[in-house]
Amino acid sequence: MGAANAHRLHGIANGIVQRVDDSDPLASMESMKAVALLTKMGNDAAHIALNLLAANKGAPLESPELPSSLPENVLDAAAVYARVMGA
């Protein structure tokens, strides 16, 4: 949920920053304050998700063994699919 919130907050901040006048950004100070606040809130919301990614960075991914050919029987194919998908 935190990653989704962070994504949404950053998206809103991006929409607001697009309206800031590049030639005179100080004229849009209220927009700049809103962007800063939304960015900070988005970064805070992403904190847990980023820590989980960092904690698992070195962990190897487990890949299931795939069959060398597809089974001819539909029930065998369903069993292979269930095994590969971890069901």
C-alpha atoms as a PDB file:
ATOM      1  CA  MET A   1       0.000   0.000   0.000  1.00  0.00           C
ATOM      2  CA  GLY A   2       2.839   2.399   0.786  1.00  0.00           C
ATOM      3  CA  ALA A   3       4.388   1.987  -2.656  1.00  0.00           C
ATOM      4  CA  ALA A   4       1.040   2.707  -4.314  1.00  0.00           C
ATOM      5  CA  ASN A   5       0.561   5.806  -2.169  1.00  0.00           C
ATOM      6  CA  ALA A   6       4.075   6.976  -2.968  1.00  0.00           C
ATOM      7  CA  HIS A   7       3.477   6.502  -6.678  1.00  0.00           C
ATOM      8  CA  ARG A   8       0.237   8.485  -6.544  1.00  0.00           C
ATOM      9  CA  LEU A   9       1.715  11.319  -4.470  1.00  0.00           C
ATOM     10  CA  HIS A  10       4.703  11.611  -6.776  1.00  0.00           C
ATOM     11  CA  GLY A  11       2.378  11.626  -9.781  1.00  0.00           C
ATOM     12  CA  ILE A  12       0.316  14.458  -8.304  1.00  0.00           C
ATOM     13  CA  ALA A  13       3.501  16.398  -7.522  1.00  0.00           C
ATOM     14  CA  ASN A  14       4.661  15.870 -11.102  1.00  0.00           C
ATOM     15  CA  GLY A  15       1.380  17.268 -12.420  1.00  0.00           C
ATOM     16  CA  ILE A  16       1.706  20.369 -10.270  1.00  0.00           C
ATOM     17  CA  VAL A  17       5.345  20.990 -11.159  1.00  0.00           C
ATOM     18  CA  GLN A  18       4.443  20.972 -14.861  1.00  0.00           C
ATOM     19  CA  ARG A  19       2.464  24.175 -14.263  1.00  0.00           C
ATOM     20  CA  VAL A  20       5.409  26.047 -12.722  1.00  0.00           C
ATOM     21  CA  ASP A  21       6.766  28.825 -14.941  1.00  0.00           C
ATOM     22  CA  ASP A  22      10.400  27.994 -15.735  1.00  0.00           C
ATOM     23  CA  SER A  23      11.309  31.603 -16.385  1.00  0.00           C
ATOM     24  CA  ASP A  24       9.984  32.773 -12.990  1.00  0.00           C
ATOM     25  CA  PRO A  25       9.577  29.830 -10.588  1.00  0.00           C
ATOM     26  CA  LEU A  26       9.301  32.143  -7.570  1.00  0.00           C
ATOM     27  CA  ALA A  27       6.005  33.447  -8.949  1.00  0.00           C
ATOM     28  CA  SER A  28       4.636  29.944  -8.376  1.00  0.00           C
ATOM     29  CA  MET A  29       5.788  29.646  -4.778  1.00  0.00           C
ATOM     30  CA  GLU A  30       2.546  28.039  -3.548  1.00  0.00           C
ATOM     31  CA  SER A  31       2.841  25.365  -6.245  1.00  0.00           C
ATOM     32  CA  MET A  32       6.489  24.811  -5.351  1.00  0.00           C
ATOM     33  CA  LYS A  33       5.553  24.356  -1.682  1.00  0.00           C
ATOM     34  CA  ALA A  34       2.868  21.844  -2.658  1.00  0.00           C
ATOM     35  CA  VAL A  35       5.353  19.913  -4.809  1.00  0.00           C
ATOM     36  CA  ALA A  36       7.886  19.839  -1.963  1.00  0.00           C
ATOM     37  CA  LEU A  37       5.271  18.595   0.505  1.00  0.00           C
ATOM     38  CA  LEU A  38       3.865  15.938  -1.840  1.00  0.00           C
ATOM     39  CA  THR A  39       7.354  14.726  -2.717  1.00  0.00           C
ATOM     40  CA  LYS A  40       8.293  14.452   0.973  1.00  0.00           C
ATOM     41  CA  MET A  41       5.070  12.581   1.736  1.00  0.00           C
ATOM     42  CA  GLY A  42       5.651  10.268  -1.239  1.00  0.00           C
ATOM     43  CA  ASN A  43       9.208   9.531  -0.151  1.00  0.00           C
ATOM     44  CA  ASP A  44       8.015   8.781   3.379  1.00  0.00           C
ATOM     45  CA  ALA A  45       5.291   6.461   2.048  1.00  0.00           C
ATOM     46  CA  ALA A  46       7.863   4.578  -0.068  1.00  0.00           C
ATOM     47  CA  HIS A  47      10.228   4.071   2.866  1.00  0.00           C
ATOM     48  CA  ILE A  48       8.972   0.597   3.893  1.00  0.00           C
ATOM     49  CA  ALA A  49       8.785  -0.715   0.329  1.00  0.00           C
ATOM     50  CA  LEU A  50      12.296   0.522  -0.457  1.00  0.00           C
ATOM     51  CA  ASN A  51      13.653  -1.080   2.720  1.00  0.00           C
ATOM     52  CA  LEU A  52      12.072  -4.414   1.746  1.00  0.00           C
ATOM     53  CA  LEU A  53      13.680  -4.211  -1.682  1.00  0.00           C
ATOM     54  CA  ALA A  54      17.053  -3.371  -0.153  1.00  0.00           C
ATOM     55  CA  ALA A  55      16.793  -6.230   2.342  1.00  0.00           C
ATOM     56  CA  ASN A  56      16.146  -8.770  -0.422  1.00  0.00           C
ATOM     57  CA  LYS A  57      18.594  -7.328  -2.942  1.00  0.00           C
ATOM     58  CA  GLY A  58      21.125 -10.158  -2.688  1.00  0.00           C
ATOM     59  CA  ALA A  59      18.621 -12.991  -2.322  1.00  0.00           C
ATOM     60  CA  PRO A  60      18.656 -15.380  -5.270  1.00  0.00           C
ATOM     61  CA  LEU A  61      15.408 -15.868  -7.136  1.00  0.00           C
ATOM     62  CA  GLU A  62      14.040 -19.397  -7.110  1.00  0.00           C
ATOM     63  CA  SER A  63      12.970 -20.545 -10.536  1.00  0.00           C
ATOM     64  CA  PRO A  64      10.880 -23.686 -10.939  1.00  0.00           C
ATOM     65  CA  GLU A  65      12.140 -26.460 -13.141  1.00  0.00           C
ATOM     66  CA  LEU A  66      10.280 -26.335 -16.424  1.00  0.00           C
ATOM     67  CA  PRO A  67       9.485 -29.482 -18.374  1.00  0.00           C
ATOM     68  CA  SER A  68      11.449 -30.068 -21.558  1.00  0.00           C
ATOM     69  CA  SER A  69       8.252 -30.641 -23.572  1.00  0.00           C
ATOM     70  CA  LEU A  70       4.539 -30.106 -23.102  1.00  0.00           C
ATOM     71  CA  PRO A  71       2.510 -33.102 -21.941  1.00  0.00           C
ATOM     72  CA  GLU A  72      -0.067 -34.473 -24.354  1.00  0.00           C
ATOM     73  CA  ASN A  73      -2.646 -35.166 -21.654  1.00  0.00           C
ATOM     74  CA  VAL A  74      -4.622 -32.100 -20.501  1.00  0.00           C
ATOM     75  CA  LEU A  75      -4.616 -33.248 -16.860  1.00  0.00           C
ATOM     76  CA  ASP A  76      -0.836 -33.681 -16.956  1.00  0.00           C
ATOM     77  CA  ALA A  77      -0.536 -30.182 -18.425  1.00  0.00           C
ATOM     78  CA  ALA A  78      -2.674 -28.811 -15.590  1.00  0.00           C
ATOM     79  CA  ALA A  79      -0.473 -30.566 -13.037  1.00  0.00           C
ATOM     80  CA  VAL A  80       2.689 -29.127 -14.620  1.00  0.00           C
ATOM     81  CA  TYR A  81       1.126 -25.651 -14.625  1.00  0.00           C
ATOM     82  CA  ALA A  82       0.129 -25.970 -10.957  1.00  0.00           C
ATOM     83  CA  ARG A  83       3.651 -27.115 -10.009  1.00  0.00           C
ATOM     84  CA  VAL A  84       5.322 -24.272 -11.942  1.00  0.00           C
ATOM     85  CA  MET A  85       2.966 -21.668 -10.483  1.00  0.00           C
ATOM     86  CA  GLY A  86       3.480 -22.970  -6.962  1.00  0.00           C
ATOM     87  CA  ALA A  87      -0.116 -23.987  -6.375  1.00  0.00           C
END
